Amino acid sequence: MSQHEPIAYSIPDAADAAGVGKSKIYSEIAAGNLRARKMGSRTLILIEDLKAWLANLPEATCTFTKP
C-alpha cells in the first residue's frame, strides 16, 4: 500500500499544520477568511486553501530593538 500526500485536513489537522489553535481555524472560517468544505458532518480544509490563507496573512515586522 502506498502513502499519499493528503489533499485536505480536518480542523485539528489544519490547526496543527498551521501552528494555530482549532478555535482560530473556526473563527477564520466563520469570518470568511478561510474556505472549508463539508462532507456529511466533517469539515475539511483543502491544503491549497490553508496555504492561501496563510499566504494572505500580513507580513511580520521586526519589533526588536538593540539596547
N, C-alpha and C. Protein backbone atom coordinates (compact mmCIF):
# COMPACT_ATOMS: atom_id res chain seq x y z
N MET A 1 0.85 -1.18 0.00
CA MET A 1 0.00 0.00 0.00
C MET A 1 0.89 1.24 0.00
N SER A 2 0.62 2.18 -0.88
CA SER A 2 1.46 3.37 -0.97
C SER A 2 0.89 4.49 -0.12
N GLN A 3 1.78 5.34 0.35
CA GLN A 3 1.39 6.51 1.12
C GLN A 3 1.12 7.66 0.15
N HIS A 4 0.03 8.39 0.38
CA HIS A 4 -0.32 9.54 -0.45
C HIS A 4 -0.27 10.79 0.41
N GLU A 5 0.12 11.89 -0.21
CA GLU A 5 0.05 13.17 0.46
C GLU A 5 -1.41 13.52 0.65
N PRO A 6 -1.78 14.06 1.82
CA PRO A 6 -3.18 14.45 2.00
C PRO A 6 -3.53 15.62 1.09
N ILE A 7 -4.79 15.70 0.67
CA ILE A 7 -5.24 16.84 -0.12
C ILE A 7 -6.17 17.73 0.70
N ALA A 8 -6.56 17.25 1.88
CA ALA A 8 -7.41 18.03 2.76
C ALA A 8 -7.10 17.67 4.21
N TYR A 9 -7.36 18.62 5.08
CA TYR A 9 -7.15 18.42 6.51
C TYR A 9 -8.47 18.52 7.26
N SER A 10 -8.57 17.79 8.35
CA SER A 10 -9.65 18.02 9.31
C SER A 10 -9.30 19.30 10.06
N ILE A 11 -10.23 19.81 10.85
CA ILE A 11 -9.96 21.03 11.61
C ILE A 11 -8.74 20.85 12.53
N PRO A 12 -8.67 19.78 13.34
CA PRO A 12 -7.49 19.62 14.21
C PRO A 12 -6.18 19.51 13.42
N ASP A 13 -6.22 18.80 12.30
CA ASP A 13 -5.01 18.65 11.49
C ASP A 13 -4.60 19.97 10.83
N ALA A 14 -5.59 20.75 10.38
CA ALA A 14 -5.30 22.06 9.79
C ALA A 14 -4.69 22.98 10.84
N ALA A 15 -5.23 22.94 12.06
CA ALA A 15 -4.69 23.77 13.14
C ALA A 15 -3.24 23.38 13.43
N ASP A 16 -2.97 22.09 13.51
CA ASP A 16 -1.60 21.62 13.75
C ASP A 16 -0.67 22.05 12.63
N ALA A 17 -1.11 21.87 11.39
CA ALA A 17 -0.27 22.21 10.24
C ALA A 17 0.03 23.70 10.19
N ALA A 18 -0.93 24.53 10.59
CA ALA A 18 -0.74 25.98 10.52
C ALA A 18 -0.11 26.55 11.78
N GLY A 19 -0.04 25.75 12.83
CA GLY A 19 0.56 26.23 14.07
C GLY A 19 -0.35 27.15 14.86
N VAL A 20 -1.67 26.96 14.72
CA VAL A 20 -2.65 27.75 15.45
C VAL A 20 -3.62 26.81 16.15
N GLY A 21 -4.49 27.37 16.97
CA GLY A 21 -5.48 26.55 17.66
C GLY A 21 -6.71 26.30 16.81
N LYS A 22 -7.49 25.29 17.21
CA LYS A 22 -8.72 24.97 16.48
C LYS A 22 -9.69 26.13 16.48
N SER A 23 -9.76 26.86 17.60
CA SER A 23 -10.70 27.98 17.67
C SER A 23 -10.35 29.06 16.65
N LYS A 24 -9.07 29.26 16.38
CA LYS A 24 -8.66 30.24 15.36
C LYS A 24 -9.11 29.78 13.98
N ILE A 25 -8.98 28.50 13.69
CA ILE A 25 -9.43 27.96 12.41
C ILE A 25 -10.94 28.19 12.26
N TYR A 26 -11.70 27.84 13.31
CA TYR A 26 -13.15 28.03 13.25
C TYR A 26 -13.52 29.50 13.08
N SER A 27 -12.84 30.40 13.77
CA SER A 27 -13.19 31.82 13.67
C SER A 27 -12.84 32.37 12.29
N GLU A 28 -11.75 31.90 11.69
CA GLU A 28 -11.39 32.35 10.35
C GLU A 28 -12.36 31.82 9.30
N ILE A 29 -12.87 30.61 9.50
CA ILE A 29 -13.90 30.08 8.60
C ILE A 29 -15.17 30.92 8.74
N ALA A 30 -15.58 31.20 9.98
CA ALA A 30 -16.80 31.99 10.23
C ALA A 30 -16.68 33.40 9.65
N ALA A 31 -15.48 33.97 9.68
CA ALA A 31 -15.26 35.32 9.16
C ALA A 31 -15.16 35.34 7.63
N GLY A 32 -15.11 34.18 7.01
CA GLY A 32 -14.99 34.11 5.56
C GLY A 32 -13.57 34.24 5.05
N ASN A 33 -12.60 34.16 5.95
CA ASN A 33 -11.20 34.29 5.56
C ASN A 33 -10.56 32.98 5.15
N LEU A 34 -11.14 31.87 5.57
CA LEU A 34 -10.58 30.54 5.28
C LEU A 34 -11.71 29.68 4.74
N ARG A 35 -11.52 29.13 3.55
CA ARG A 35 -12.55 28.28 2.94
C ARG A 35 -12.52 26.89 3.55
N ALA A 36 -13.69 26.35 3.76
CA ALA A 36 -13.83 24.99 4.28
C ALA A 36 -14.90 24.27 3.47
N ARG A 37 -14.83 22.96 3.46
CA ARG A 37 -15.80 22.12 2.74
C ARG A 37 -16.46 21.20 3.75
N LYS A 38 -17.68 20.78 3.45
CA LYS A 38 -18.39 19.84 4.31
C LYS A 38 -18.58 18.52 3.58
N MET A 39 -18.36 17.44 4.31
CA MET A 39 -18.66 16.10 3.82
C MET A 39 -19.40 15.42 4.95
N GLY A 40 -20.70 15.43 4.86
CA GLY A 40 -21.50 14.94 5.97
C GLY A 40 -21.30 15.85 7.16
N SER A 41 -20.90 15.28 8.27
CA SER A 41 -20.67 16.08 9.47
C SER A 41 -19.22 16.58 9.58
N ARG A 42 -18.38 16.12 8.68
CA ARG A 42 -16.96 16.52 8.73
C ARG A 42 -16.72 17.83 8.01
N THR A 43 -15.87 18.64 8.61
CA THR A 43 -15.41 19.88 7.98
C THR A 43 -13.98 19.64 7.52
N LEU A 44 -13.75 19.89 6.25
CA LEU A 44 -12.43 19.67 5.66
C LEU A 44 -11.91 20.96 5.06
N ILE A 45 -10.61 21.13 5.13
CA ILE A 45 -9.95 22.29 4.54
C ILE A 45 -8.94 21.77 3.53
N LEU A 46 -9.13 22.17 2.28
CA LEU A 46 -8.17 21.78 1.26
C LEU A 46 -6.82 22.40 1.56
N ILE A 47 -5.77 21.67 1.31
CA ILE A 47 -4.42 22.16 1.60
C ILE A 47 -4.16 23.46 0.85
N GLU A 48 -4.64 23.57 -0.38
CA GLU A 48 -4.45 24.80 -1.15
C GLU A 48 -5.11 25.99 -0.45
N ASP A 49 -6.29 25.76 0.14
CA ASP A 49 -6.99 26.84 0.84
C ASP A 49 -6.26 27.24 2.12
N LEU A 50 -5.70 26.26 2.83
CA LEU A 50 -4.94 26.57 4.04
C LEU A 50 -3.68 27.36 3.68
N LYS A 51 -2.99 26.94 2.63
CA LYS A 51 -1.79 27.66 2.19
C LYS A 51 -2.12 29.07 1.74
N ALA A 52 -3.23 29.25 1.02
CA ALA A 52 -3.63 30.58 0.56
C ALA A 52 -3.97 31.48 1.74
N TRP A 53 -4.65 30.94 2.74
CA TRP A 53 -4.99 31.71 3.94
C TRP A 53 -3.71 32.18 4.64
N LEU A 54 -2.77 31.27 4.81
CA LEU A 54 -1.50 31.63 5.46
C LEU A 54 -0.74 32.67 4.63
N ALA A 55 -0.73 32.50 3.32
CA ALA A 55 0.00 33.43 2.45
C ALA A 55 -0.61 34.82 2.47
N ASN A 56 -1.91 34.93 2.77
CA ASN A 56 -2.58 36.22 2.78
C ASN A 56 -2.54 36.91 4.14
N LEU A 57 -1.93 36.29 5.14
CA LEU A 57 -1.78 36.95 6.43
C LEU A 57 -0.79 38.10 6.27
N PRO A 58 -0.91 39.13 7.10
CA PRO A 58 0.03 40.26 6.98
C PRO A 58 1.46 39.81 7.26
N GLU A 59 2.39 40.48 6.60
CA GLU A 59 3.81 40.18 6.85
C GLU A 59 4.19 40.68 8.22
N ALA A 60 5.06 39.94 8.87
CA ALA A 60 5.55 40.33 10.18
C ALA A 60 6.65 41.38 10.03
N THR A 61 6.73 42.25 11.00
CA THR A 61 7.81 43.23 11.02
C THR A 61 8.59 43.01 12.30
N CYS A 62 9.83 43.33 12.26
CA CYS A 62 10.68 43.16 13.41
C CYS A 62 10.44 44.30 14.39
N THR A 63 10.14 43.94 15.64
CA THR A 63 9.92 44.97 16.66
C THR A 63 11.05 44.98 17.67
N PHE A 64 12.05 44.15 17.45
CA PHE A 64 13.18 44.07 18.35
C PHE A 64 14.11 45.25 18.11
N THR A 65 14.51 45.89 19.17
CA THR A 65 15.49 46.98 19.04
C THR A 65 16.66 46.68 19.96
N LYS A 66 17.85 47.03 19.50
CA LYS A 66 19.04 46.82 20.31
C LYS A 66 19.03 47.79 21.49
N PRO A 67 19.48 47.30 22.65
CA PRO A 67 19.55 48.20 23.81
C PRO A 67 20.62 49.26 23.67
